[in-house]
PDB file of N, CA and C in Angstrom:
ATOM      1  N   UNK A   1      73.937 111.295  40.893  1.00  0.00           N
ATOM      2  CA  UNK A   1      72.669 110.617  40.947  1.00  0.00           C
ATOM      3  C   UNK A   1      71.572 111.629  40.670  1.00  0.00           C
ATOM      4  N   UNK A   2      70.769 111.413  39.681  1.00  0.00           N
ATOM      5  CA  UNK A   2      69.660 112.307  39.308  1.00  0.00           C
ATOM      6  C   UNK A   2      70.108 113.756  39.112  1.00  0.00           C
ATOM      7  N   UNK A   3      71.301 113.956  38.562  1.00  0.00           N
ATOM      8  CA  UNK A   3      71.795 115.290  38.285  1.00  0.00           C
ATOM      9  C   UNK A   3      72.404 116.013  39.473  1.00  0.00           C
ATOM     10  N   UNK A   4      72.498 115.351  40.623  1.00  0.00           N
ATOM     11  CA  UNK A   4      73.082 115.959  41.814  1.00  0.00           C
ATOM     12  C   UNK A   4      74.522 115.485  41.955  1.00  0.00           C
ATOM     13  N   UNK A   5      75.433 116.438  42.200  1.00  0.00           N
ATOM     14  CA  UNK A   5      76.834 116.093  42.389  1.00  0.00           C
ATOM     15  C   UNK A   5      77.101 115.904  43.873  1.00  0.00           C
ATOM     16  N   UNK A   6      77.806 114.834  44.205  1.00  0.00           N
ATOM     17  CA  UNK A   6      78.147 114.531  45.586  1.00  0.00           C
ATOM     18  C   UNK A   6      79.663 114.523  45.735  1.00  0.00           C
ATOM     19  N   UNK A   7      80.139 114.913  46.896  1.00  0.00           N
ATOM     20  CA  UNK A   7      81.573 114.867  47.152  1.00  0.00           C
ATOM     21  C   UNK A   7      81.918 113.607  47.935  1.00  0.00           C
ATOM     22  N   UNK A   8      83.188 113.453  48.288  1.00  0.00           N
ATOM     23  CA  UNK A   8      83.690 112.201  48.854  1.00  0.00           C
ATOM     24  C   UNK A   8      83.769 112.155  50.380  1.00  0.00           C
ATOM     25  N   UNK A   9      83.424 113.227  51.070  1.00  0.00           N
ATOM     26  CA  UNK A   9      83.508 113.212  52.540  1.00  0.00           C
ATOM     27  C   UNK A   9      82.155 112.756  53.084  1.00  0.00           C
ATOM     28  N   UNK A  10      82.134 111.528  53.570  1.00  0.00           N
ATOM     29  CA  UNK A  10      80.892 110.897  54.009  1.00  0.00           C
ATOM     30  C   UNK A  10      80.714 111.051  55.511  1.00  0.00           C
ATOM     31  N   UNK A  11      79.522 111.442  55.918  1.00  0.00           N
ATOM     32  CA  UNK A  11      79.158 111.512  57.334  1.00  0.00           C
ATOM     33  C   UNK A  11      78.690 110.119  57.745  1.00  0.00           C
ATOM     34  N   UNK A  12      79.478 109.441  58.555  1.00  0.00           N
ATOM     35  CA  UNK A  12      79.166 108.060  58.950  1.00  0.00           C
ATOM     36  C   UNK A  12      77.849 107.965  59.714  1.00  0.00           C
ATOM     37  N   UNK A  13      77.403 109.074  60.293  1.00  0.00           N
ATOM     38  CA  UNK A  13      76.128 109.057  61.021  1.00  0.00           C
ATOM     39  C   UNK A  13      74.937 108.904  60.084  1.00  0.00           C
ATOM     40  N   UNK A  14      75.086 109.387  58.845  1.00  0.00           N
ATOM     41  CA  UNK A  14      73.969 109.344  57.895  1.00  0.00           C
ATOM     42  C   UNK A  14      74.231 108.433  56.704  1.00  0.00           C
ATOM     43  N   UNK A  15      75.511 108.187  56.402  1.00  0.00           N
ATOM     44  CA  UNK A  15      75.866 107.415  55.216  1.00  0.00           C
ATOM     45  C   UNK A  15      75.850 108.243  53.940  1.00  0.00           C
ATOM     46  N   UNK A  16      75.641 109.556  54.063  1.00  0.00           N
ATOM     47  CA  UNK A  16      75.585 110.464  52.917  1.00  0.00           C
ATOM     48  C   UNK A  16      76.713 111.483  53.020  1.00  0.00           C
ATOM     49  N   UNK A  17      77.028 112.155  51.916  1.00  0.00           N
ATOM     50  CA  UNK A  17      78.045 113.201  51.980  1.00  0.00           C
ATOM     51  C   UNK A  17      77.680 114.265  53.021  1.00  0.00           C
ATOM     52  N   UNK A  18      78.697 114.737  53.738  1.00  0.00           N
ATOM     53  CA  UNK A  18      78.503 115.763  54.757  1.00  0.00           C
ATOM     54  C   UNK A  18      78.031 117.060  54.117  1.00  0.00           C
ATOM     55  N   UNK A  19      77.194 117.803  54.827  1.00  0.00           N
ATOM     56  CA  UNK A  19      76.635 119.047  54.285  1.00  0.00           C
ATOM     57  C   UNK A  19      76.865 120.256  55.179  1.00  0.00           C
ATOM     58  N   UNK A  20      77.629 120.104  56.274  1.00  0.00           N
ATOM     59  CA  UNK A  20      77.804 121.196  57.228  1.00  0.00           C
ATOM     60  C   UNK A  20      78.801 122.244  56.759  1.00  0.00           C
ATOM     61  N   UNK A  21      79.587 121.947  55.725  1.00  0.00           N
ATOM     62  CA  UNK A  21      80.587 122.896  55.232  1.00  0.00           C
ATOM     63  C   UNK A  21      80.782 122.710  53.738  1.00  0.00           C
ATOM     64  N   UNK A  22      81.337 123.743  53.127  1.00  0.00           N
ATOM     65  CA  UNK A  22      81.735 123.654  51.711  1.00  0.00           C
ATOM     66  C   UNK A  22      83.239 123.532  51.582  1.00  0.00           C
ATOM     67  N   UNK A  23      83.949 124.063  52.581  1.00  0.00           N
ATOM     68  CA  UNK A  23      85.405 124.028  52.547  1.00  0.00           C
ATOM     69  C   UNK A  23      85.942 124.159  53.962  1.00  0.00           C
ATOM     70  N   UNK A  24      87.039 123.466  54.241  1.00  0.00           N
ATOM     71  CA  UNK A  24      87.740 123.594  55.521  1.00  0.00           C
ATOM     72  C   UNK A  24      89.231 123.583  55.246  1.00  0.00           C
ATOM     73  N   UNK A  25      89.939 124.518  55.868  1.00  0.00           N
ATOM     74  CA  UNK A  25      91.398 124.559  55.817  1.00  0.00           C
ATOM     75  C   UNK A  25      91.920 124.495  57.237  1.00  0.00           C
ATOM     76  N   UNK A  26      92.991 123.741  57.439  1.00  0.00           N
ATOM     77  CA  UNK A  26      93.566 123.573  58.769  1.00  0.00           C
ATOM     78  C   UNK A  26      95.064 123.851  58.707  1.00  0.00           C
ATOM     79  N   UNK A  27      95.557 124.591  59.700  1.00  0.00           N
ATOM     80  CA  UNK A  27      96.988 124.806  59.878  1.00  0.00           C
ATOM     81  C   UNK A  27      97.388 124.001  61.105  1.00  0.00           C
ATOM     82  N   UNK A  28      98.266 123.020  60.894  1.00  0.00           N
ATOM     83  CA  UNK A  28      98.686 122.157  61.997  1.00  0.00           C
ATOM     84  C   UNK A  28     100.174 121.864  61.879  1.00  0.00           C
ATOM     85  N   UNK A  29     100.692 121.139  62.871  1.00  0.00           N
ATOM     86  CA  UNK A  29     102.121 120.843  62.876  1.00  0.00           C
ATOM     87  C   UNK A  29     102.505 119.725  61.909  1.00  0.00           C
ATOM     88  N   UNK A  30     101.530 118.954  61.444  1.00  0.00           N
ATOM     89  CA  UNK A  30     101.833 117.902  60.463  1.00  0.00           C
ATOM     90  C   UNK A  30     100.716 117.809  59.425  1.00  0.00           C
ATOM     91  N   UNK A  31     101.084 117.386  58.243  1.00  0.00           N
ATOM     92  CA  UNK A  31     100.102 117.227  57.175  1.00  0.00           C
ATOM     93  C   UNK A  31      99.062 116.177  57.531  1.00  0.00           C
ATOM     94  N   UNK A  32      99.508 115.095  58.154  1.00  0.00           N
ATOM     95  CA  UNK A  32      98.584 114.018  58.506  1.00  0.00           C
ATOM     96  C   UNK A  32      97.510 114.511  59.463  1.00  0.00           C
ATOM     97  N   UNK A  33      97.921 115.245  60.489  1.00  0.00           N
ATOM     98  CA  UNK A  33      96.963 115.785  61.449  1.00  0.00           C
ATOM     99  C   UNK A  33      96.008 116.754  60.760  1.00  0.00           C
ATOM    100  N   UNK A  34      96.530 117.598  59.885  1.00  0.00           N
ATOM    101  CA  UNK A  34      95.701 118.570  59.180  1.00  0.00           C
ATOM    102  C   UNK A  34      94.639 117.918  58.316  1.00  0.00           C
ATOM    103  N   UNK A  35      95.017 116.875  57.586  1.00  0.00           N
ATOM    104  CA  UNK A  35      94.058 116.184  56.706  1.00  0.00           C
ATOM    105  C   UNK A  35      92.945 115.539  57.522  1.00  0.00           C
ATOM    106  N   UNK A  36      93.319 114.842  58.578  1.00  0.00           N
ATOM    107  CA  UNK A  36      92.319 114.156  59.398  1.00  0.00           C
ATOM    108  C   UNK A  36      91.375 115.167  60.046  1.00  0.00           C
ATOM    109  N   UNK A  37      91.936 116.213  60.649  1.00  0.00           N
ATOM    110  CA  UNK A  37      91.087 117.189  61.322  1.00  0.00           C
ATOM    111  C   UNK A  37      90.214 117.968  60.345  1.00  0.00           C
ATOM    112  N   UNK A  38      90.725 118.280  59.163  1.00  0.00           N
ATOM    113  CA  UNK A  38      89.914 119.002  58.182  1.00  0.00           C
ATOM    114  C   UNK A  38      88.668 118.203  57.820  1.00  0.00           C
ATOM    115  N   UNK A  39      88.823 116.909  57.636  1.00  0.00           N
ATOM    116  CA  UNK A  39      87.654 116.086  57.293  1.00  0.00           C
ATOM    117  C   UNK A  39      86.667 116.008  58.443  1.00  0.00           C
ATOM    118  N   UNK A  40      87.181 115.861  59.662  1.00  0.00           N
ATOM    119  CA  UNK A  40      86.285 115.788  60.816  1.00  0.00           C
ATOM    120  C   UNK A  40      85.558 117.121  61.015  1.00  0.00           C
ATOM    121  N   UNK A  41      86.271 118.230  60.900  1.00  0.00           N
ATOM    122  CA  UNK A  41      85.657 119.551  61.042  1.00  0.00           C
ATOM    123  C   UNK A  41      84.611 119.768  59.952  1.00  0.00           C
ATOM    124  N   UNK A  42      84.904 119.326  58.742  1.00  0.00           N
ATOM    125  CA  UNK A  42      83.956 119.428  57.625  1.00  0.00           C
ATOM    126  C   UNK A  42      82.647 118.748  57.995  1.00  0.00           C
ATOM    127  N   UNK A  43      82.739 117.578  58.587  1.00  0.00           N
ATOM    128  CA  UNK A  43      81.544 116.805  58.960  1.00  0.00           C
ATOM    129  C   UNK A  43      80.826 117.437  60.150  1.00  0.00           C
ATOM    130  N   UNK A  44      81.575 117.885  61.153  1.00  0.00           N
ATOM    131  CA  UNK A  44      80.963 118.416  62.377  1.00  0.00           C
ATOM    132  C   UNK A  44      80.313 119.781  62.193  1.00  0.00           C
ATOM    133  N   UNK A  45      80.854 120.595  61.294  1.00  0.00           N
ATOM    134  CA  UNK A  45      80.298 121.931  61.097  1.00  0.00           C
ATOM    135  C   UNK A  45      80.946 122.969  61.993  1.00  0.00           C
ATOM    136  N   UNK A  46      80.412 124.172  61.902  1.00  0.00           N
ATOM    137  CA  UNK A  46      81.037 125.352  62.514  1.00  0.00           C
ATOM    138  C   UNK A  46      81.273 125.223  64.010  1.00  0.00           C
ATOM    139  N   UNK A  47      80.261 125.074  64.797  1.00  0.00           N
ATOM    140  CA  UNK A  47      80.429 125.123  66.250  1.00  0.00           C
ATOM    141  C   UNK A  47      81.277 123.976  66.783  1.00  0.00           C
ATOM    142  N   UNK A  48      80.873 122.759  66.515  1.00  0.00           N
ATOM    143  CA  UNK A  48      81.600 121.594  67.031  1.00  0.00           C
ATOM    144  C   UNK A  48      82.957 121.449  66.358  1.00  0.00           C
ATOM    145  N   UNK A  49      83.022 121.741  65.070  1.00  0.00           N
ATOM    146  CA  UNK A  49      84.277 121.606  64.339  1.00  0.00           C
ATOM    147  C   UNK A  49      85.342 122.578  64.806  1.00  0.00           C
ATOM    148  N   UNK A  50      84.976 123.854  64.963  1.00  0.00           N
ATOM    149  CA  UNK A  50      85.959 124.829  65.415  1.00  0.00           C
ATOM    150  C   UNK A  50      86.317 124.609  66.880  1.00  0.00           C
ATOM    151  N   UNK A  51      85.382 124.105  67.677  1.00  0.00           N
ATOM    152  CA  UNK A  51      85.702 123.746  69.065  1.00  0.00           C
ATOM    153  C   UNK A  51      86.740 122.619  69.085  1.00  0.00           C
ATOM    154  N   UNK A  52      86.591 121.652  68.185  1.00  0.00           N
ATOM    155  CA  UNK A  52      87.564 120.571  68.086  1.00  0.00           C
ATOM    156  C   UNK A  52      88.933 121.125  67.691  1.00  0.00           C
ATOM    157  N   UNK A  53      88.957 122.021  66.713  1.00  0.00           N
ATOM    158  CA  UNK A  53      90.229 122.614  66.286  1.00  0.00           C
ATOM    159  C   UNK A  53      90.924 123.288  67.462  1.00  0.00           C
ATOM    160  N   UNK A  54      90.175 124.063  68.219  1.00  0.00           N
ATOM    161  CA  UNK A  54      90.759 124.743  69.389  1.00  0.00           C
ATOM    162  C   UNK A  54      91.303 123.729  70.389  1.00  0.00           C
ATOM    163  N   UNK A  55      90.547 122.674  70.652  1.00  0.00           N
ATOM    164  CA  UNK A  55      90.974 121.685  71.645  1.00  0.00           C
ATOM    165  C   UNK A  55      92.207 120.903  71.184  1.00  0.00           C
ATOM    166  N   UNK A  56      92.406 120.805  69.869  1.00  0.00           N
ATOM    167  CA  UNK A  56      93.567 120.104  69.313  1.00  0.00           C
ATOM    168  C   UNK A  56      94.756 121.032  69.095  1.00  0.00           C
ATOM    169  N   UNK A  57      94.567 122.329  69.347  1.00  0.00           N
ATOM    170  CA  UNK A  57      95.666 123.279  69.210  1.00  0.00           C
ATOM    171  C   UNK A  57      96.030 123.612  67.781  1.00  0.00           C
ATOM    172  N   UNK A  58      95.052 123.549  66.867  1.00  0.00           N
ATOM    173  CA  UNK A  58      95.290 123.904  65.467  1.00  0.00           C
ATOM    174  C   UNK A  58      94.421 125.101  65.101  1.00  0.00           C
ATOM    175  N   UNK A  59      94.737 125.699  63.972  1.00  0.00           N
ATOM    176  CA  UNK A  59      93.929 126.802  63.458  1.00  0.00           C
ATOM    177  C   UNK A  59      93.110 126.287  62.282  1.00  0.00           C
ATOM    178  N   UNK A  60      91.880 126.782  62.150  1.00  0.00           N
ATOM    179  CA  UNK A  60      91.012 126.292  61.088  1.00  0.00           C
ATOM    180  C   UNK A  60      90.138 127.403  60.533  1.00  0.00           C
ATOM    181  N   UNK A  61      89.814 127.269  59.260  1.00  0.00           N
ATOM    182  CA  UNK A  61      88.875 128.142  58.561  1.00  0.00           C
ATOM    183  C   UNK A  61      87.813 127.253  57.953  1.00  0.00           C
ATOM    184  N   UNK A  62      86.547 127.580  58.205  1.00  0.00           N
ATOM    185  CA  UNK A  62      85.427 126.819  57.652  1.00  0.00           C
ATOM    186  C   UNK A  62      84.555 127.763  56.843  1.00  0.00           C
ATOM    187  N   UNK A  63      84.177 127.344  55.657  1.00  0.00           N
ATOM    188  CA  UNK A  63      83.215 128.086  54.849  1.00  0.00           C
ATOM    189  C   UNK A  63      81.945 127.248  54.814  1.00  0.00           C
ATOM    190  N   UNK A  64      80.834 127.855  55.262  1.00  0.00           N
ATOM    191  CA  UNK A  64      79.585 127.099  55.344  1.00  0.00           C
ATOM    192  C   UNK A  64      78.864 127.079  53.994  1.00  0.00           C
ATOM    193  N   UNK A  65      77.772 126.329  53.882  1.00  0.00           N
ATOM    194  CA  UNK A  65      77.059 126.230  52.604  1.00  0.00           C
ATOM    195  C   UNK A  65      76.530 127.554  52.069  1.00  0.00           C
ATOM    196  N   UNK A  66      76.394 128.567  52.943  1.00  0.00           N
ATOM    197  CA  UNK A  66      75.946 129.888  52.509  1.00  0.00           C
ATOM    198  C   UNK A  66      77.109 130.794  52.116  1.00  0.00           C
ATOM    199  N   UNK A  67      78.337 130.271  52.189  1.00  0.00           N
ATOM    200  CA  UNK A  67      79.514 131.050  51.831  1.00  0.00           C
ATOM    201  C   UNK A  67      80.074 131.904  52.955  1.00  0.00           C
ATOM    202  N   UNK A  68      79.542 131.773  54.163  1.00  0.00           N
ATOM    203  CA  UNK A  68      80.042 132.535  55.301  1.00  0.00           C
ATOM    204  C   UNK A  68      81.300 131.865  55.847  1.00  0.00           C
ATOM    205  N   UNK A  69      82.254 132.696  56.274  1.00  0.00           N
ATOM    206  CA  UNK A  69      83.527 132.196  56.773  1.00  0.00           C
ATOM    207  C   UNK A  69      83.580 132.282  58.292  1.00  0.00           C
ATOM    208  N   UNK A  70      84.092 131.221  58.885  1.00  0.00           N
ATOM    209  CA  UNK A  70      84.275 131.145  60.333  1.00  0.00           C
ATOM    210  C   UNK A  70      85.665 130.593  60.582  1.00  0.00           C
ATOM    211  N   UNK A  71      86.373 131.163  61.559  1.00  0.00           N
ATOM    212  CA  UNK A  71      87.752 130.727  61.795  1.00  0.00           C
ATOM    213  C   UNK A  71      88.075 130.750  63.277  1.00  0.00           C
ATOM    214  N   UNK A  72      89.083 129.969  63.639  1.00  0.00           N
ATOM    215  CA  UNK A  72      89.641 130.049  64.976  1.00  0.00           C
ATOM    216  C   UNK A  72      90.377 131.384  65.091  1.00  0.00           C
ATOM    217  N   UNK A  73      90.647 131.778  66.292  1.00  0.00           N
ATOM    218  CA  UNK A  73      91.210 133.096  66.551  1.00  0.00           C
ATOM    219  C   UNK A  73      92.572 133.330  65.887  1.00  0.00           C
ATOM    220  N   UNK A  74      93.385 132.286  65.733  1.00  0.00           N
ATOM    221  CA  UNK A  74      94.720 132.447  65.174  1.00  0.00           C
ATOM    222  C   UNK A  74      94.810 132.288  63.668  1.00  0.00           C
ATOM    223  N   UNK A  75      93.697 132.031  63.005  1.00  0.00           N
ATOM    224  CA  UNK A  75      93.717 131.892  61.553  1.00  0.00           C
ATOM    225  C   UNK A  75      93.683 133.289  60.966  1.00  0.00           C
ATOM    226  N   UNK A  76      94.803 133.712  60.384  1.00  0.00           N
ATOM    227  CA  UNK A  76      94.928 135.084  59.882  1.00  0.00           C
ATOM    228  C   UNK A  76      94.012 135.320  58.689  1.00  0.00           C
ATOM    229  N   UNK A  77      93.250 136.402  58.732  1.00  0.00           N
ATOM    230  CA  UNK A  77      92.420 136.708  57.550  1.00  0.00           C
ATOM    231  C   UNK A  77      93.297 137.088  56.374  1.00  0.00           C
ATOM    232  N   UNK A  78      92.873 136.722  55.192  1.00  0.00           N
ATOM    233  CA  UNK A  78      93.666 137.065  54.001  1.00  0.00           C
ATOM    234  C   UNK A  78      93.361 138.494  53.594  1.00  0.00           C
ATOM    235  N   UNK A  79      94.390 139.182  53.190  1.00  0.00           N
ATOM    236  CA  UNK A  79      94.253 140.568  52.730  1.00  0.00           C
ATOM    237  C   UNK A  79      94.121 140.571  51.215  1.00  0.00           C
ATOM    238  N   UNK A  80      93.219 141.374  50.669  1.00  0.00           N
ATOM    239  CA  UNK A  80      93.125 141.480  49.206  1.00  0.00           C
ATOM    240  C   UNK A  80      94.399 142.054  48.623  1.00  0.00           C
ATOM    241  N   UNK A  81      94.785 141.580  47.459  1.00  0.00           N
ATOM    242  CA  UNK A  81      96.008 142.073  46.807  1.00  0.00           C
ATOM    243  C   UNK A  81      95.667 143.056  45.735  1.00  0.00           C
TER     244      UNK A  81
END
């Protein structure tokens, strides 16, 4: 719309695409749980999203709109190759 690209993860509170994150990765015991939690964390953002990940017993990595990375304690940082 008007030259702006929008993604598909909608924040139901606003009716617009979520803007609290650019990317979220989740490590969980099932793919279904990972997909659902990744979308919720994407919408909630760093503080609330990573708190949710911890409470659900999963590991998560969130990249915010400024490109900063935030992760739960068990999400292993990647080493450069």
